[in-house]
Amino acid sequence: YRQAPGKEREGVSCINSSDGSTYYADSVKGRFTISRDNAKN
C-alpha cells in the first residue's frame, strides 16, 4: 500500500500465494511488478 500526504492509504499491488495471482492499481499497471520468495518469506 502507499499513502501520500493528505491522502488515504491505497492498495498498490498484492500477490496471492496459492496461484500467484496479482492485483495492480490502475495507476501503476505496466510500471510496477510484484513478486515473492516464499523461501525467504
PDB file of all heavy atoms in Angstrom:
ATOM      1  N   TYR A   1       0.860  -1.172   0.000  1.00  0.00           N
ATOM      2  CA  TYR A   1       0.000   0.000   0.000  1.00  0.00           C
ATOM      3  C   TYR A   1       0.900   1.226   0.000  1.00  0.00           C
ATOM      4  O   TYR A   1       2.096   1.134   0.273  1.00  0.00           O
ATOM      5  CB  TYR A   1      -0.874   0.015   1.255  1.00  0.00           C
ATOM      6  CG  TYR A   1      -2.150  -0.787   1.173  1.00  0.00           C
ATOM      7  CD1 TYR A   1      -2.123  -2.175   1.068  1.00  0.00           C
ATOM      8  CD2 TYR A   1      -3.394  -0.172   1.242  1.00  0.00           C
ATOM      9  CE1 TYR A   1      -3.298  -2.902   1.008  1.00  0.00           C
ATOM     10  CE2 TYR A   1      -4.577  -0.893   1.198  1.00  0.00           C
ATOM     11  CZ  TYR A   1      -4.521  -2.258   1.083  1.00  0.00           C
ATOM     12  OH  TYR A   1      -5.688  -2.980   1.030  1.00  0.00           O
ATOM     13  N   ARG A   2       0.304   2.369  -0.272  1.00  0.00           N
ATOM     14  CA  ARG A   2       1.047   3.617  -0.145  1.00  0.00           C
ATOM     15  C   ARG A   2       0.126   4.715   0.345  1.00  0.00           C
ATOM     16  O   ARG A   2      -1.096   4.670   0.158  1.00  0.00           O
ATOM     17  CB  ARG A   2       1.695   4.023  -1.471  1.00  0.00           C
ATOM     18  CG  ARG A   2       0.717   4.429  -2.566  1.00  0.00           C
ATOM     19  CD  ARG A   2       1.478   4.678  -3.868  1.00  0.00           C
ATOM     20  NE  ARG A   2       0.571   5.071  -4.950  1.00  0.00           N
ATOM     21  CZ  ARG A   2       0.956   5.219  -6.221  1.00  0.00           C
ATOM     22  NH1 ARG A   2       2.235   5.014  -6.563  1.00  0.00           N
ATOM     23  NH2 ARG A   2       0.078   5.576  -7.131  1.00  0.00           N
ATOM     24  N   GLN A   3       0.735   5.711   0.976  1.00  0.00           N
ATOM     25  CA  GLN A   3      -0.024   6.855   1.468  1.00  0.00           C
ATOM     26  C   GLN A   3       0.766   8.120   1.210  1.00  0.00           C
ATOM     27  O   GLN A   3       1.872   8.291   1.742  1.00  0.00           O
ATOM     28  CB  GLN A   3      -0.332   6.716   2.955  1.00  0.00           C
ATOM     29  CG  GLN A   3      -1.270   7.773   3.482  1.00  0.00           C
ATOM     30  CD  GLN A   3      -1.820   7.422   4.851  1.00  0.00           C
ATOM     31  OE1 GLN A   3      -1.263   6.611   5.581  1.00  0.00           O
ATOM     32  NE2 GLN A   3      -2.936   8.040   5.208  1.00  0.00           N
ATOM     33  N   ALA A   4       0.190   8.989   0.392  1.00  0.00           N
ATOM     34  CA  ALA A   4       0.784  10.289   0.112  1.00  0.00           C
ATOM     35  C   ALA A   4       0.237  11.310   1.107  1.00  0.00           C
ATOM     36  O   ALA A   4      -0.846  11.107   1.669  1.00  0.00           O
ATOM     37  CB  ALA A   4       0.462  10.708  -1.317  1.00  0.00           C
ATOM     38  N   PRO A   5       0.956  12.406   1.318  1.00  0.00           N
ATOM     39  CA  PRO A   5       0.480  13.423   2.262  1.00  0.00           C
ATOM     40  C   PRO A   5      -0.922  13.910   1.920  1.00  0.00           C
ATOM     41  O   PRO A   5      -1.205  14.243   0.764  1.00  0.00           O
ATOM     42  CB  PRO A   5       1.512  14.537   2.110  1.00  0.00           C
ATOM     43  CG  PRO A   5       2.752  13.849   1.655  1.00  0.00           C
ATOM     44  CD  PRO A   5       2.274  12.736   0.764  1.00  0.00           C
ATOM     45  N   GLY A   6      -1.801  13.910   2.907  1.00  0.00           N
ATOM     46  CA  GLY A   6      -3.153  14.395   2.699  1.00  0.00           C
ATOM     47  C   GLY A   6      -4.084  13.448   1.987  1.00  0.00           C
ATOM     48  O   GLY A   6      -5.229  13.808   1.689  1.00  0.00           O
ATOM     49  N   LYS A   7      -3.605  12.235   1.717  1.00  0.00           N
ATOM     50  CA  LYS A   7      -4.436  11.259   1.004  1.00  0.00           C
ATOM     51  C   LYS A   7      -4.613   9.993   1.830  1.00  0.00           C
ATOM     52  O   LYS A   7      -3.849   9.728   2.750  1.00  0.00           O
ATOM     53  CB  LYS A   7      -3.813  10.917  -0.350  1.00  0.00           C
ATOM     54  CG  LYS A   7      -3.770  12.081  -1.328  1.00  0.00           C
ATOM     55  CD  LYS A   7      -3.319  11.623  -2.703  1.00  0.00           C
ATOM     56  CE  LYS A   7      -3.358  12.772  -3.691  1.00  0.00           C
ATOM     57  NZ  LYS A   7      -2.935  12.326  -5.054  1.00  0.00           N
ATOM     58  N   GLU A   8      -5.626   9.223   1.458  1.00  0.00           N
ATOM     59  CA  GLU A   8      -5.857   7.952   2.140  1.00  0.00           C
ATOM     60  C   GLU A   8      -4.854   6.896   1.666  1.00  0.00           C
ATOM     61  O   GLU A   8      -4.318   6.988   0.562  1.00  0.00           O
ATOM     62  CB  GLU A   8      -7.281   7.460   1.865  1.00  0.00           C
ATOM     63  CG  GLU A   8      -8.365   8.319   2.491  1.00  0.00           C
ATOM     64  CD  GLU A   8      -9.745   7.717   2.315  1.00  0.00           C
ATOM     65  OE1 GLU A   8      -9.859   6.686   1.637  1.00  0.00           O
ATOM     66  OE2 GLU A   8     -10.701   8.288   2.867  1.00  0.00           O
ATOM     67  N   ARG A   9      -4.635   5.916   2.529  1.00  0.00           N
ATOM     68  CA  ARG A   9      -3.790   4.808   2.141  1.00  0.00           C
ATOM     69  C   ARG A   9      -4.487   4.012   1.036  1.00  0.00           C
ATOM     70  O   ARG A   9      -5.683   3.724   1.125  1.00  0.00           O
ATOM     71  CB  ARG A   9      -3.514   3.906   3.355  1.00  0.00           C
ATOM     72  CG  ARG A   9      -2.424   2.905   3.143  1.00  0.00           C
ATOM     73  CD  ARG A   9      -2.094   2.151   4.426  1.00  0.00           C
ATOM     74  NE  ARG A   9      -1.558   3.022   5.452  1.00  0.00           N
ATOM     75  CZ  ARG A   9      -1.000   2.563   6.579  1.00  0.00           C
ATOM     76  NH1 ARG A   9      -0.932   1.248   6.806  1.00  0.00           N
ATOM     77  NH2 ARG A   9      -0.544   3.401   7.485  1.00  0.00           N
ATOM     78  N   GLU A  10      -3.738   3.660  -0.015  1.00  0.00           N
ATOM     79  CA  GLU A  10      -4.328   2.941  -1.136  1.00  0.00           C
ATOM     80  C   GLU A  10      -3.520   1.688  -1.457  1.00  0.00           C
ATOM     81  O   GLU A  10      -2.296   1.665  -1.316  1.00  0.00           O
ATOM     82  CB  GLU A  10      -4.381   3.830  -2.383  1.00  0.00           C
ATOM     83  CG  GLU A  10      -3.035   4.277  -2.900  1.00  0.00           C
ATOM     84  CD  GLU A  10      -3.116   4.985  -4.248  1.00  0.00           C
ATOM     85  OE1 GLU A  10      -4.186   4.977  -4.870  1.00  0.00           O
ATOM     86  OE2 GLU A  10      -2.077   5.529  -4.682  1.00  0.00           O
ATOM     87  N   GLY A  11      -4.222   0.667  -1.922  1.00  0.00           N
ATOM     88  CA  GLY A  11      -3.550  -0.550  -2.336  1.00  0.00           C
ATOM     89  C   GLY A  11      -2.844  -0.351  -3.663  1.00  0.00           C
ATOM     90  O   GLY A  11      -3.459   0.132  -4.617  1.00  0.00           O
ATOM     91  N   VAL A  12      -1.580  -0.708  -3.733  1.00  0.00           N
ATOM     92  CA  VAL A  12      -0.774  -0.554  -4.932  1.00  0.00           C
ATOM     93  C   VAL A  12      -0.703  -1.878  -5.698  1.00  0.00           C
ATOM     94  O   VAL A  12      -1.006  -1.933  -6.896  1.00  0.00           O
ATOM     95  CB  VAL A  12       0.643  -0.079  -4.586  1.00  0.00           C
ATOM     96  CG1 VAL A  12       1.518  -0.033  -5.832  1.00  0.00           C
ATOM     97  CG2 VAL A  12       0.595   1.281  -3.906  1.00  0.00           C
ATOM     98  N   SER A  13      -0.287  -2.917  -5.014  1.00  0.00           N
ATOM     99  CA  SER A  13      -0.152  -4.216  -5.656  1.00  0.00           C
ATOM    100  C   SER A  13      -0.149  -5.301  -4.591  1.00  0.00           C
ATOM    101  O   SER A  13       0.447  -5.119  -3.528  1.00  0.00           O
ATOM    102  CB  SER A  13       1.142  -4.284  -6.479  1.00  0.00           C
ATOM    103  OG  SER A  13       1.238  -5.535  -7.142  1.00  0.00           O
ATOM    104  N   CYS A  14      -0.814  -6.403  -4.883  1.00  0.00           N
ATOM    105  CA  CYS A  14      -0.878  -7.534  -3.969  1.00  0.00           C
ATOM    106  C   CYS A  14      -0.705  -8.834  -4.748  1.00  0.00           C
ATOM    107  O   CYS A  14      -0.982  -8.882  -5.957  1.00  0.00           O
ATOM    108  CB  CYS A  14      -2.208  -7.543  -3.209  1.00  0.00           C
ATOM    109  SG  CYS A  14      -2.416  -6.118  -2.108  1.00  0.00           S
ATOM    110  N   ILE A  15      -0.249  -9.854  -4.042  1.00  0.00           N
ATOM    111  CA  ILE A  15       0.002 -11.131  -4.681  1.00  0.00           C
ATOM    112  C   ILE A  15      -0.496 -12.261  -3.798  1.00  0.00           C
ATOM    113  O   ILE A  15      -0.248 -12.291  -2.582  1.00  0.00           O
ATOM    114  CB  ILE A  15       1.511 -11.308  -5.002  1.00  0.00           C
ATOM    115  CG1 ILE A  15       1.768 -12.619  -5.748  1.00  0.00           C
ATOM    116  CG2 ILE A  15       2.381 -11.197  -3.755  1.00  0.00           C
ATOM    117  CD1 ILE A  15       3.173 -12.694  -6.347  1.00  0.00           C
ATOM    118  N   ASN A  16      -1.221 -13.162  -4.434  1.00  0.00           N
ATOM    119  CA  ASN A  16      -1.719 -14.320  -3.728  1.00  0.00           C
ATOM    120  C   ASN A  16      -0.598 -15.344  -3.635  1.00  0.00           C
ATOM    121  O   ASN A  16       0.424 -15.214  -4.301  1.00  0.00           O
ATOM    122  CB  ASN A  16      -2.913 -14.901  -4.493  1.00  0.00           C
ATOM    123  CG  ASN A  16      -3.863 -15.623  -3.577  1.00  0.00           C
ATOM    124  OD1 ASN A  16      -3.490 -16.067  -2.507  1.00  0.00           O
ATOM    125  ND2 ASN A  16      -5.103 -15.751  -3.998  1.00  0.00           N
ATOM    126  N   SER A  17      -0.804 -16.361  -2.841  1.00  0.00           N
ATOM    127  CA  SER A  17       0.227 -17.374  -2.709  1.00  0.00           C
ATOM    128  C   SER A  17      -0.147 -18.662  -3.425  1.00  0.00           C
ATOM    129  O   SER A  17       0.688 -19.284  -4.061  1.00  0.00           O
ATOM    130  CB  SER A  17       0.490 -17.671  -1.225  1.00  0.00           C
ATOM    131  OG  SER A  17       1.495 -18.654  -1.106  1.00  0.00           O
ATOM    132  N   SER A  18      -1.412 -19.037  -3.342  1.00  0.00           N
ATOM    133  CA  SER A  18      -1.821 -20.338  -3.860  1.00  0.00           C
ATOM    134  C   SER A  18      -1.622 -20.452  -5.361  1.00  0.00           C
ATOM    135  O   SER A  18      -1.171 -21.483  -5.865  1.00  0.00           O
ATOM    136  CB  SER A  18      -3.283 -20.598  -3.514  1.00  0.00           C
ATOM    137  OG  SER A  18      -4.097 -19.575  -4.046  1.00  0.00           O
ATOM    138  N   ASP A  19      -1.923 -19.361  -6.099  1.00  0.00           N
ATOM    139  CA  ASP A  19      -1.805 -19.430  -7.565  1.00  0.00           C
ATOM    140  C   ASP A  19      -0.941 -18.320  -8.149  1.00  0.00           C
ATOM    141  O   ASP A  19      -0.819 -18.215  -9.365  1.00  0.00           O
ATOM    142  CB  ASP A  19      -3.191 -19.397  -8.209  1.00  0.00           C
ATOM    143  CG  ASP A  19      -3.971 -18.147  -7.857  1.00  0.00           C
ATOM    144  OD1 ASP A  19      -3.407 -17.265  -7.172  1.00  0.00           O
ATOM    145  OD2 ASP A  19      -5.142 -18.045  -8.273  1.00  0.00           O
ATOM    146  N   GLY A  20      -0.367 -17.491  -7.292  1.00  0.00           N
ATOM    147  CA  GLY A  20       0.493 -16.417  -7.779  1.00  0.00           C
ATOM    148  C   GLY A  20      -0.246 -15.287  -8.458  1.00  0.00           C
ATOM    149  O   GLY A  20       0.375 -14.434  -9.093  1.00  0.00           O
ATOM    150  N   SER A  21      -1.564 -15.260  -8.320  1.00  0.00           N
ATOM    151  CA  SER A  21      -2.321 -14.193  -8.979  1.00  0.00           C
ATOM    152  C   SER A  21      -1.987 -12.853  -8.339  1.00  0.00           C
ATOM    153  O   SER A  21      -1.640 -12.773  -7.163  1.00  0.00           O
ATOM    154  CB  SER A  21      -3.816 -14.472  -8.888  1.00  0.00           C
ATOM    155  OG  SER A  21      -4.219 -14.584  -7.545  1.00  0.00           O
ATOM    156  N   THR A  22      -2.098 -11.817  -9.146  1.00  0.00           N
ATOM    157  CA  THR A  22      -1.699 -10.482  -8.707  1.00  0.00           C
ATOM    158  C   THR A  22      -2.791  -9.463  -8.966  1.00  0.00           C
ATOM    159  O   THR A  22      -3.694  -9.673  -9.788  1.00  0.00           O
ATOM    160  CB  THR A  22      -0.418 -10.023  -9.416  1.00  0.00           C
ATOM    161  OG1 THR A  22      -0.636 -10.062 -10.838  1.00  0.00           O
ATOM    162  CG2 THR A  22       0.755 -10.922  -9.071  1.00  0.00           C
ATOM    163  N   TYR A  23      -2.671  -8.354  -8.259  1.00  0.00           N
ATOM    164  CA  TYR A  23      -3.540  -7.194  -8.461  1.00  0.00           C
ATOM    165  C   TYR A  23      -2.646  -5.967  -8.537  1.00  0.00           C
ATOM    166  O   TYR A  23      -1.676  -5.841  -7.784  1.00  0.00           O
ATOM    167  CB  TYR A  23      -4.519  -7.042  -7.301  1.00  0.00           C
ATOM    168  CG  TYR A  23      -5.218  -5.699  -7.284  1.00  0.00           C
ATOM    169  CD1 TYR A  23      -6.419  -5.513  -7.963  1.00  0.00           C
ATOM    170  CD2 TYR A  23      -4.660  -4.612  -6.612  1.00  0.00           C
ATOM    171  CE1 TYR A  23      -7.052  -4.278  -7.961  1.00  0.00           C
ATOM    172  CE2 TYR A  23      -5.286  -3.377  -6.613  1.00  0.00           C
ATOM    173  CZ  TYR A  23      -6.478  -3.216  -7.285  1.00  0.00           C
ATOM    174  OH  TYR A  23      -7.102  -1.999  -7.289  1.00  0.00           O
ATOM    175  N   TYR A  24      -2.964  -5.064  -9.462  1.00  0.00           N
ATOM    176  CA  TYR A  24      -2.270  -3.781  -9.568  1.00  0.00           C
ATOM    177  C   TYR A  24      -3.298  -2.662  -9.651  1.00  0.00           C
ATOM    178  O   TYR A  24      -4.297  -2.773 -10.367  1.00  0.00           O
ATOM    179  CB  TYR A  24      -1.391  -3.732 -10.813  1.00  0.00           C
ATOM    180  CG  TYR A  24      -0.217  -4.688 -10.795  1.00  0.00           C
ATOM    181  CD1 TYR A  24      -0.308  -5.938 -11.377  1.00  0.00           C
ATOM    182  CD2 TYR A  24       0.973  -4.314 -10.185  1.00  0.00           C
ATOM    183  CE1 TYR A  24       0.767  -6.814 -11.359  1.00  0.00           C
ATOM    184  CE2 TYR A  24       2.063  -5.184 -10.158  1.00  0.00           C
ATOM    185  CZ  TYR A  24       1.951  -6.435 -10.741  1.00  0.00           C
ATOM    186  OH  TYR A  24       3.019  -7.302 -10.720  1.00  0.00           O
ATOM    187  N   ALA A  25      -3.021  -1.595  -8.940  1.00  0.00           N
ATOM    188  CA  ALA A  25      -3.828  -0.400  -9.118  1.00  0.00           C
ATOM    189  C   ALA A  25      -3.626   0.117 -10.538  1.00  0.00           C
ATOM    190  O   ALA A  25      -2.545  -0.030 -11.119  1.00  0.00           O
ATOM    191  CB  ALA A  25      -3.415   0.664  -8.109  1.00  0.00           C
ATOM    192  N   ASP A  26      -4.657   0.726 -11.107  1.00  0.00           N
ATOM    193  CA  ASP A  26      -4.560   1.226 -12.488  1.00  0.00           C
ATOM    194  C   ASP A  26      -3.390   2.184 -12.656  1.00  0.00           C
ATOM    195  O   ASP A  26      -2.754   2.217 -13.714  1.00  0.00           O
ATOM    196  CB  ASP A  26      -5.861   1.920 -12.885  1.00  0.00           C
ATOM    197  CG  ASP A  26      -7.002   0.939 -13.098  1.00  0.00           C
ATOM    198  OD1 ASP A  26      -6.740  -0.272 -13.274  1.00  0.00           O
ATOM    199  OD2 ASP A  26      -8.166   1.386 -13.099  1.00  0.00           O
ATOM    200  N   SER A  27      -3.104   2.957 -11.633  1.00  0.00           N
ATOM    201  CA  SER A  27      -2.075   3.987 -11.734  1.00  0.00           C
ATOM    202  C   SER A  27      -0.659   3.416 -11.864  1.00  0.00           C
ATOM    203  O   SER A  27       0.262   4.144 -12.241  1.00  0.00           O
ATOM    204  CB  SER A  27      -2.147   4.910 -10.518  1.00  0.00           C
ATOM    205  OG  SER A  27      -1.995   4.166  -9.322  1.00  0.00           O
ATOM    206  N   VAL A  28      -0.481   2.123 -11.553  1.00  0.00           N
ATOM    207  CA  VAL A  28       0.875   1.553 -11.606  1.00  0.00           C
ATOM    208  C   VAL A  28       1.002   0.405 -12.598  1.00  0.00           C
ATOM    209  O   VAL A  28       2.097  -0.132 -12.790  1.00  0.00           O
ATOM    210  CB  VAL A  28       1.337   1.082 -10.206  1.00  0.00           C
ATOM    211  CG1 VAL A  28       1.211   2.205  -9.189  1.00  0.00           C
ATOM    212  CG2 VAL A  28       0.581  -0.159  -9.763  1.00  0.00           C
ATOM    213  N   LYS A  29      -0.084   0.036 -13.241  1.00  0.00           N
ATOM    214  CA  LYS A  29      -0.040  -1.069 -14.202  1.00  0.00           C
ATOM    215  C   LYS A  29       0.969  -0.780 -15.302  1.00  0.00           C
ATOM    216  O   LYS A  29       1.012   0.316 -15.842  1.00  0.00           O
ATOM    217  CB  LYS A  29      -1.425  -1.293 -14.808  1.00  0.00           C
ATOM    218  CG  LYS A  29      -2.382  -2.046 -13.918  1.00  0.00           C
ATOM    219  CD  LYS A  29      -3.725  -2.253 -14.594  1.00  0.00           C
ATOM    220  CE  LYS A  29      -4.682  -2.990 -13.682  1.00  0.00           C
ATOM    221  NZ  LYS A  29      -6.032  -3.137 -14.296  1.00  0.00           N
ATOM    222  N   GLY A  30       1.776  -1.784 -15.619  1.00  0.00           N
ATOM    223  CA  GLY A  30       2.776  -1.646 -16.667  1.00  0.00           C
ATOM    224  C   GLY A  30       4.084  -1.030 -16.188  1.00  0.00           C
ATOM    225  O   GLY A  30       5.072  -1.031 -16.925  1.00  0.00           O
ATOM    226  N   ARG A  31       4.085  -0.511 -14.962  1.00  0.00           N
ATOM    227  CA  ARG A  31       5.313   0.117 -14.432  1.00  0.00           C
ATOM    228  C   ARG A  31       5.856  -0.629 -13.199  1.00  0.00           C
ATOM    229  O   ARG A  31       7.067  -0.680 -12.996  1.00  0.00           O
ATOM    230  CB  ARG A  31       5.028   1.575 -14.039  1.00  0.00           C
ATOM    231  CG  ARG A  31       4.562   2.430 -15.194  1.00  0.00           C
ATOM    232  CD  ARG A  31       4.482   3.911 -14.793  1.00  0.00           C
ATOM    233  NE  ARG A  31       3.519   4.141 -13.724  1.00  0.00           N
ATOM    234  CZ  ARG A  31       3.845   4.694 -12.550  1.00  0.00           C
ATOM    235  NH1 ARG A  31       5.089   5.039 -12.285  1.00  0.00           N
ATOM    236  NH2 ARG A  31       2.902   4.899 -11.621  1.00  0.00           N
ATOM    237  N   PHE A  32       4.971  -1.162 -12.396  1.00  0.00           N
ATOM    238  CA  PHE A  32       5.367  -1.856 -11.168  1.00  0.00           C
ATOM    239  C   PHE A  32       5.177  -3.364 -11.343  1.00  0.00           C
ATOM    240  O   PHE A  32       4.244  -3.805 -12.032  1.00  0.00           O
ATOM    241  CB  PHE A  32       4.521  -1.397  -9.981  1.00  0.00           C
ATOM    242  CG  PHE A  32       4.775   0.009  -9.520  1.00  0.00           C
ATOM    243  CD1 PHE A  32       5.550   0.906 -10.261  1.00  0.00           C
ATOM    244  CD2 PHE A  32       4.229   0.457  -8.321  1.00  0.00           C
ATOM    245  CE1 PHE A  32       5.772   2.207  -9.830  1.00  0.00           C
ATOM    246  CE2 PHE A  32       4.436   1.743  -7.861  1.00  0.00           C
ATOM    247  CZ  PHE A  32       5.203   2.625  -8.631  1.00  0.00           C
ATOM    248  N   THR A  33       6.033  -4.131 -10.686  1.00  0.00           N
ATOM    249  CA  THR A  33       5.916  -5.589 -10.695  1.00  0.00           C
ATOM    250  C   THR A  33       6.105  -6.126  -9.294  1.00  0.00           C
ATOM    251  O   THR A  33       7.108  -5.823  -8.639  1.00  0.00           O
ATOM    252  CB  THR A  33       6.958  -6.223 -11.630  1.00  0.00           C
ATOM    253  OG1 THR A  33       6.806  -5.697 -12.949  1.00  0.00           O
ATOM    254  CG2 THR A  33       6.785  -7.736 -11.672  1.00  0.00           C
ATOM    255  N   ILE A  34       5.153  -6.915  -8.835  1.00  0.00           N
ATOM    256  CA  ILE A  34       5.244  -7.525  -7.515  1.00  0.00           C
ATOM    257  C   ILE A  34       5.700  -8.971  -7.668  1.00  0.00           C
ATOM    258  O   ILE A  34       5.351  -9.646  -8.650  1.00  0.00           O
ATOM    259  CB  ILE A  34       3.892  -7.450  -6.774  1.00  0.00           C
ATOM    260  CG1 ILE A  34       4.058  -7.845  -5.299  1.00  0.00           C
ATOM    261  CG2 ILE A  34       2.833  -8.306  -7.463  1.00  0.00           C
ATOM    262  CD1 ILE A  34       2.819  -7.567  -4.451  1.00  0.00           C
ATOM    263  N   SER A  35       6.487  -9.425  -6.705  1.00  0.00           N
ATOM    264  CA  SER A  35       6.926 -10.820  -6.687  1.00  0.00           C
ATOM    265  C   SER A  35       7.164 -11.239  -5.248  1.00  0.00           C
ATOM    266  O   SER A  35       7.223 -10.389  -4.350  1.00  0.00           O
ATOM    267  CB  SER A  35       8.195 -11.011  -7.534  1.00  0.00           C
ATOM    268  OG  SER A  35       9.263 -10.232  -7.009  1.00  0.00           O
ATOM    269  N   ARG A  36       7.292 -12.534  -5.045  1.00  0.00           N
ATOM    270  CA  ARG A  36       7.546 -13.019  -3.696  1.00  0.00           C
ATOM    271  C   ARG A  36       8.478 -14.209  -3.738  1.00  0.00           C
ATOM    272  O   ARG A  36       8.521 -14.957  -4.721  1.00  0.00           O
ATOM    273  CB  ARG A  36       6.237 -13.369  -2.981  1.00  0.00           C
ATOM    274  CG  ARG A  36       5.456 -14.495  -3.583  1.00  0.00           C
ATOM    275  CD  ARG A  36       4.081 -14.629  -2.908  1.00  0.00           C
ATOM    276  NE  ARG A  36       4.191 -15.018  -1.508  1.00  0.00           N
ATOM    277  CZ  ARG A  36       3.186 -14.929  -0.636  1.00  0.00           C
ATOM    278  NH1 ARG A  36       2.006 -14.437  -1.022  1.00  0.00           N
ATOM    279  NH2 ARG A  36       3.341 -15.331   0.618  1.00  0.00           N
ATOM    280  N   ASP A  37       9.228 -14.372  -2.663  1.00  0.00           N
ATOM    281  CA  ASP A  37      10.122 -15.510  -2.498  1.00  0.00           C
ATOM    282  C   ASP A  37       9.728 -16.178  -1.187  1.00  0.00           C
ATOM    283  O   ASP A  37      10.103 -15.701  -0.112  1.00  0.00           O
ATOM    284  CB  ASP A  37      11.583 -15.042  -2.477  1.00  0.00           C
ATOM    285  CG  ASP A  37      12.573 -16.183  -2.409  1.00  0.00           C
ATOM    286  OD1 ASP A  37      12.189 -17.293  -1.988  1.00  0.00           O
ATOM    287  OD2 ASP A  37      13.740 -15.968  -2.751  1.00  0.00           O
ATOM    288  N   ASN A  38       8.969 -17.241  -1.275  1.00  0.00           N
ATOM    289  CA  ASN A  38       8.470 -17.880  -0.065  1.00  0.00           C
ATOM    290  C   ASN A  38       9.597 -18.480   0.772  1.00  0.00           C
ATOM    291  O   ASN A  38       9.488 -18.555   1.994  1.00  0.00           O
ATOM    292  CB  ASN A  38       7.444 -18.956  -0.414  1.00  0.00           C
ATOM    293  CG  ASN A  38       6.122 -18.367  -0.868  1.00  0.00           C
ATOM    294  OD1 ASN A  38       5.824 -17.196  -0.607  1.00  0.00           O
ATOM    295  ND2 ASN A  38       5.318 -19.155  -1.555  1.00  0.00           N
ATOM    296  N   ALA A  39      10.665 -18.903   0.119  1.00  0.00           N
ATOM    297  CA  ALA A  39      11.792 -19.463   0.860  1.00  0.00           C
ATOM    298  C   ALA A  39      12.414 -18.419   1.790  1.00  0.00           C
ATOM    299  O   ALA A  39      12.957 -18.755   2.845  1.00  0.00           O
ATOM    300  CB  ALA A  39      12.839 -20.004  -0.096  1.00  0.00           C
ATOM    301  N   LYS A  40      12.307 -17.151   1.375  1.00  0.00           N
ATOM    302  CA  LYS A  40      12.856 -16.055   2.174  1.00  0.00           C
ATOM    303  C   LYS A  40      11.771 -15.303   2.938  1.00  0.00           C
ATOM    304  O   LYS A  40      12.084 -14.333   3.630  1.00  0.00           O
ATOM    305  CB  LYS A  40      13.616 -15.073   1.271  1.00  0.00           C
ATOM    306  CG  LYS A  40      14.844 -15.684   0.610  1.00  0.00           C
ATOM    307  CD  LYS A  40      15.577 -14.648  -0.228  1.00  0.00           C
ATOM    308  CE  LYS A  40      16.830 -15.241  -0.854  1.00  0.00           C
ATOM    309  NZ  LYS A  40      17.568 -14.245  -1.686  1.00  0.00           N
ATOM    310  N   ASN A  41      10.512 -15.731   2.776  1.00  0.00           N
ATOM    311  CA  ASN A  41       9.404 -15.058   3.467  1.00  0.00           C
ATOM    312  C   ASN A  41       9.397 -13.564   3.140  1.00  0.00           C
ATOM    313  O   ASN A  41       9.203 -12.712   4.012  1.00  0.00           O
ATOM    314  CB  ASN A  41       9.511 -15.254   4.984  1.00  0.00           C
ATOM    315  CG  ASN A  41       8.186 -15.625   5.626  1.00  0.00           C
ATOM    316  OD1 ASN A  41       7.255 -16.086   4.975  1.00  0.00           O
ATOM    317  ND2 ASN A  41       8.100 -15.420   6.922  1.00  0.00           N
TER     318      ASN A  41
END
